[in-house]
């Protein structure tokens, strides 16, 4: 994602994607439930859930 979306050729902040996903979740997820639309896949990254 860093290379394709933000055109980063180096990784100055490895948590950049995590921070962006967190901001997206705040906007689209129900805070009283587990994430439904953007799910964390441990050891791999993220995936989109059912819409």
PDB file of N, CA and C in Angstrom:
ATOM      1  N   UNK A   1       0.814  -1.202   0.000  1.00  0.00           N
ATOM      2  CA  UNK A   1       0.000   0.000   0.000  1.00  0.00           C
ATOM      3  C   UNK A   1       0.852   1.257   0.000  1.00  0.00           C
ATOM      4  N   UNK A   2       1.909   1.244   0.787  1.00  0.00           N
ATOM      5  CA  UNK A   2       2.754   2.438   0.839  1.00  0.00           C
ATOM      6  C   UNK A   2       3.302   2.789  -0.536  1.00  0.00           C
ATOM      7  N   UNK A   3       3.781   1.807  -1.256  1.00  0.00           N
ATOM      8  CA  UNK A   3       4.374   2.062  -2.572  1.00  0.00           C
ATOM      9  C   UNK A   3       3.313   2.416  -3.614  1.00  0.00           C
ATOM     10  N   UNK A   4       2.164   1.743  -3.577  1.00  0.00           N
ATOM     11  CA  UNK A   4       1.149   1.948  -4.607  1.00  0.00           C
ATOM     12  C   UNK A   4       0.238   3.146  -4.349  1.00  0.00           C
ATOM     13  N   UNK A   5      -0.121   3.375  -3.105  1.00  0.00           N
ATOM     14  CA  UNK A   5      -1.064   4.447  -2.794  1.00  0.00           C
ATOM     15  C   UNK A   5      -0.363   5.769  -2.525  1.00  0.00           C
ATOM     16  N   UNK A   6       0.693   5.744  -1.717  1.00  0.00           N
ATOM     17  CA  UNK A   6       1.359   6.982  -1.324  1.00  0.00           C
ATOM     18  C   UNK A   6       2.670   7.209  -2.061  1.00  0.00           C
ATOM     19  N   UNK A   7       3.060   6.312  -2.932  1.00  0.00           N
ATOM     20  CA  UNK A   7       4.297   6.426  -3.697  1.00  0.00           C
ATOM     21  C   UNK A   7       5.521   6.593  -2.796  1.00  0.00           C
ATOM     22  N   UNK A   8       5.555   5.820  -1.717  1.00  0.00           N
ATOM     23  CA  UNK A   8       6.711   5.843  -0.811  1.00  0.00           C
ATOM     24  C   UNK A   8       7.755   4.849  -1.305  1.00  0.00           C
ATOM     25  N   UNK A   9       8.950   5.321  -1.514  1.00  0.00           N
ATOM     26  CA  UNK A   9      10.030   4.419  -1.910  1.00  0.00           C
ATOM     27  C   UNK A   9      10.809   3.930  -0.699  1.00  0.00           C
ATOM     28  N   UNK A  10      10.538   4.508   0.450  1.00  0.00           N
ATOM     29  CA  UNK A  10      11.144   4.054   1.701  1.00  0.00           C
ATOM     30  C   UNK A  10      10.070   4.096   2.775  1.00  0.00           C
ATOM     31  N   UNK A  11      10.298   3.382   3.838  1.00  0.00           N
ATOM     32  CA  UNK A  11       9.283   3.263   4.878  1.00  0.00           C
ATOM     33  C   UNK A  11       9.723   4.027   6.121  1.00  0.00           C
ATOM     34  N   UNK A  12       9.430   5.320   6.133  1.00  0.00           N
ATOM     35  CA  UNK A  12       9.829   6.157   7.255  1.00  0.00           C
ATOM     36  C   UNK A  12       8.985   5.862   8.487  1.00  0.00           C
ATOM     37  N   UNK A  13       7.757   5.458   8.287  1.00  0.00           N
ATOM     38  CA  UNK A  13       6.883   5.138   9.408  1.00  0.00           C
ATOM     39  C   UNK A  13       6.097   3.880   9.066  1.00  0.00           C
ATOM     40  N   UNK A  14       6.482   2.777   9.655  1.00  0.00           N
ATOM     41  CA  UNK A  14       5.848   1.498   9.337  1.00  0.00           C
ATOM     42  C   UNK A  14       4.405   1.443   9.822  1.00  0.00           C
ATOM     43  N   UNK A  15       3.992   2.376  10.660  1.00  0.00           N
ATOM     44  CA  UNK A  15       2.626   2.394  11.181  1.00  0.00           C
ATOM     45  C   UNK A  15       1.696   3.303  10.378  1.00  0.00           C
ATOM     46  N   UNK A  16       2.166   3.844   9.264  1.00  0.00           N
ATOM     47  CA  UNK A  16       1.358   4.754   8.460  1.00  0.00           C
ATOM     48  C   UNK A  16       0.065   4.095   7.989  1.00  0.00           C
ATOM     49  N   UNK A  17       0.149   2.894   7.477  1.00  0.00           N
ATOM     50  CA  UNK A  17      -1.048   2.189   7.003  1.00  0.00           C
ATOM     51  C   UNK A  17      -1.982   1.920   8.170  1.00  0.00           C
ATOM     52  N   UNK A  18      -1.443   1.498   9.313  1.00  0.00           N
ATOM     53  CA  UNK A  18      -2.275   1.246  10.495  1.00  0.00           C
ATOM     54  C   UNK A  18      -3.030   2.506  10.916  1.00  0.00           C
ATOM     55  N   UNK A  19      -2.353   3.640  10.897  1.00  0.00           N
ATOM     56  CA  UNK A  19      -2.983   4.902  11.279  1.00  0.00           C
ATOM     57  C   UNK A  19      -4.105   5.269  10.309  1.00  0.00           C
ATOM     58  N   UNK A  20      -3.895   5.058   9.032  1.00  0.00           N
ATOM     59  CA  UNK A  20      -4.925   5.358   8.031  1.00  0.00           C
ATOM     60  C   UNK A  20      -6.120   4.424   8.176  1.00  0.00           C
ATOM     61  N   UNK A  21      -5.868   3.158   8.427  1.00  0.00           N
ATOM     62  CA  UNK A  21      -6.955   2.196   8.631  1.00  0.00           C
ATOM     63  C   UNK A  21      -7.753   2.575   9.874  1.00  0.00           C
ATOM     64  N   UNK A  22      -7.069   2.999  10.914  1.00  0.00           N
ATOM     65  CA  UNK A  22      -7.754   3.420  12.141  1.00  0.00           C
ATOM     66  C   UNK A  22      -8.688   4.596  11.857  1.00  0.00           C
ATOM     67  N   UNK A  23      -8.213   5.585  11.104  1.00  0.00           N
ATOM     68  CA  UNK A  23      -9.054   6.742  10.779  1.00  0.00           C
ATOM     69  C   UNK A  23     -10.253   6.331   9.922  1.00  0.00           C
ATOM     70  N   UNK A  24     -10.048   5.416   8.985  1.00  0.00           N
ATOM     71  CA  UNK A  24     -11.170   4.919   8.181  1.00  0.00           C
ATOM     72  C   UNK A  24     -12.190   4.194   9.044  1.00  0.00           C
ATOM     73  N   UNK A  25     -11.707   3.372   9.963  1.00  0.00           N
ATOM     74  CA  UNK A  25     -12.626   2.645  10.846  1.00  0.00           C
ATOM     75  C   UNK A  25     -13.459   3.597  11.690  1.00  0.00           C
ATOM     76  N   UNK A  26     -12.849   4.666  12.184  1.00  0.00           N
ATOM     77  CA  UNK A  26     -13.591   5.651  12.979  1.00  0.00           C
ATOM     78  C   UNK A  26     -14.732   6.236  12.158  1.00  0.00           C
ATOM     79  N   UNK A  27     -14.508   6.428  10.868  1.00  0.00           N
ATOM     80  CA  UNK A  27     -15.518   7.034  10.008  1.00  0.00           C
ATOM     81  C   UNK A  27     -16.621   6.063   9.591  1.00  0.00           C
ATOM     82  N   UNK A  28     -16.293   4.776   9.386  1.00  0.00           N
ATOM     83  CA  UNK A  28     -17.288   3.881   8.780  1.00  0.00           C
ATOM     84  C   UNK A  28     -17.778   2.752   9.676  1.00  0.00           C
ATOM     85  N   UNK A  29     -17.087   2.459  10.763  1.00  0.00           N
ATOM     86  CA  UNK A  29     -17.469   1.324  11.599  1.00  0.00           C
ATOM     87  C   UNK A  29     -18.339   1.762  12.775  1.00  0.00           C
ATOM     88  N   UNK A  30     -19.134   0.850  13.293  1.00  0.00           N
ATOM     89  CA  UNK A  30     -19.910   1.058  14.512  1.00  0.00           C
ATOM     90  C   UNK A  30     -18.972   0.830  15.694  1.00  0.00           C
ATOM     91  N   UNK A  31     -18.736   1.852  16.524  1.00  0.00           N
ATOM     92  CA  UNK A  31     -17.751   1.713  17.603  1.00  0.00           C
ATOM     93  C   UNK A  31     -18.126   0.694  18.674  1.00  0.00           C
ATOM     94  N   UNK A  32     -19.389   0.305  18.752  1.00  0.00           N
ATOM     95  CA  UNK A  32     -19.800  -0.657  19.777  1.00  0.00           C
ATOM     96  C   UNK A  32     -19.629  -2.111  19.333  1.00  0.00           C
ATOM     97  N   UNK A  33     -19.179  -2.332  18.093  1.00  0.00           N
ATOM     98  CA  UNK A  33     -19.022  -3.688  17.561  1.00  0.00           C
ATOM     99  C   UNK A  33     -17.596  -3.925  17.102  1.00  0.00           C
ATOM    100  N   UNK A  34     -17.294  -5.173  16.820  1.00  0.00           N
ATOM    101  CA  UNK A  34     -16.002  -5.516  16.218  1.00  0.00           C
ATOM    102  C   UNK A  34     -15.979  -4.987  14.785  1.00  0.00           C
ATOM    103  N   UNK A  35     -14.791  -4.680  14.262  1.00  0.00           N
ATOM    104  CA  UNK A  35     -14.722  -4.183  12.880  1.00  0.00           C
ATOM    105  C   UNK A  35     -15.391  -5.138  11.894  1.00  0.00           C
ATOM    106  N   UNK A  36     -16.242  -4.595  11.047  1.00  0.00           N
ATOM    107  CA  UNK A  36     -16.976  -5.413  10.086  1.00  0.00           C
ATOM    108  C   UNK A  36     -16.470  -5.202   8.662  1.00  0.00           C
ATOM    109  N   UNK A  37     -16.185  -3.968   8.311  1.00  0.00           N
ATOM    110  CA  UNK A  37     -15.847  -3.644   6.929  1.00  0.00           C
ATOM    111  C   UNK A  37     -14.356  -3.745   6.634  1.00  0.00           C
ATOM    112  N   UNK A  38     -13.525  -3.368   7.594  1.00  0.00           N
ATOM    113  CA  UNK A  38     -12.074  -3.492   7.431  1.00  0.00           C
ATOM    114  C   UNK A  38     -11.591  -4.406   8.546  1.00  0.00           C
ATOM    115  N   UNK A  39     -11.227  -5.610   8.183  1.00  0.00           N
ATOM    116  CA  UNK A  39     -10.842  -6.621   9.166  1.00  0.00           C
ATOM    117  C   UNK A  39      -9.334  -6.818   9.171  1.00  0.00           C
ATOM    118  N   UNK A  40      -8.797  -7.032  10.371  1.00  0.00           N
ATOM    119  CA  UNK A  40      -7.368  -7.298  10.521  1.00  0.00           C
ATOM    120  C   UNK A  40      -7.120  -8.786  10.357  1.00  0.00           C
ATOM    121  N   UNK A  41      -6.167  -9.143   9.533  1.00  0.00           N
ATOM    122  CA  UNK A  41      -5.745 -10.529   9.360  1.00  0.00           C
ATOM    123  C   UNK A  41      -4.353 -10.621   9.976  1.00  0.00           C
ATOM    124  N   UNK A  42      -4.279 -11.254  11.126  1.00  0.00           N
ATOM    125  CA  UNK A  42      -3.031 -11.292  11.879  1.00  0.00           C
ATOM    126  C   UNK A  42      -1.886 -11.878  11.045  1.00  0.00           C
ATOM    127  N   UNK A  43      -0.783 -11.174  11.042  1.00  0.00           N
ATOM    128  CA  UNK A  43       0.398 -11.619  10.312  1.00  0.00           C
ATOM    129  C   UNK A  43       0.395 -11.291   8.828  1.00  0.00           C
ATOM    130  N   UNK A  44      -0.743 -10.815   8.308  1.00  0.00           N
ATOM    131  CA  UNK A  44      -0.839 -10.514   6.876  1.00  0.00           C
ATOM    132  C   UNK A  44      -1.170  -9.057   6.591  1.00  0.00           C
ATOM    133  N   UNK A  45      -2.141  -8.515   7.292  1.00  0.00           N
ATOM    134  CA  UNK A  45      -2.547  -7.135   7.040  1.00  0.00           C
ATOM    135  C   UNK A  45      -4.035  -6.952   7.238  1.00  0.00           C
ATOM    136  N   UNK A  46      -4.705  -6.434   6.220  1.00  0.00           N
ATOM    137  CA  UNK A  46      -6.129  -6.127   6.315  1.00  0.00           C
ATOM    138  C   UNK A  46      -6.875  -6.728   5.137  1.00  0.00           C
ATOM    139  N   UNK A  47      -8.185  -6.897   5.331  1.00  0.00           N
ATOM    140  CA  UNK A  47      -9.049  -7.312   4.229  1.00  0.00           C
ATOM    141  C   UNK A  47     -10.385  -6.606   4.392  1.00  0.00           C
ATOM    142  N   UNK A  48     -11.087  -6.458   3.288  1.00  0.00           N
ATOM    143  CA  UNK A  48     -12.405  -5.849   3.327  1.00  0.00           C
ATOM    144  C   UNK A  48     -13.432  -6.925   3.610  1.00  0.00           C
ATOM    145  N   UNK A  49     -14.352  -6.626   4.510  1.00  0.00           N
ATOM    146  CA  UNK A  49     -15.419  -7.552   4.853  1.00  0.00           C
ATOM    147  C   UNK A  49     -16.618  -7.322   3.950  1.00  0.00           C
ATOM    148  N   UNK A  50     -17.736  -7.972   4.266  1.00  0.00           N
ATOM    149  CA  UNK A  50     -18.946  -7.825   3.449  1.00  0.00           C
ATOM    150  C   UNK A  50     -19.497  -6.406   3.540  1.00  0.00           C
ATOM    151  N   UNK A  51     -20.025  -5.932   2.432  1.00  0.00           N
ATOM    152  CA  UNK A  51     -20.588  -4.577   2.414  1.00  0.00           C
ATOM    153  C   UNK A  51     -22.066  -4.579   2.592  1.00  0.00           C
TER     154      UNK A  51
END
